[in-house]
Amino acid sequence: MSPSLGSFKTLSSFHFGQPGSGTKIYIQASLHAEELPGMLVAHHLRAALEAADAQG
């Protein structure tokens, strides 16, 4: 996805709940270099959403 040499970027999409039944959100982290707090929050939020989705 990157036009820069030596750079590799990916885009991941995660879906929770019943398709078409809820609000959609977009979460972005680590856009600029070493922005680790946002990535840490996104990591823990994903785990919490996966646990909630598993519980129904």
Foldseek 3Di string as FASTA:
>chain_A
DDPDPPDDDDDDDDDADDPPPDDDDDQDADPDPPRVVSVVVVVVVVVVRVVVRVVD
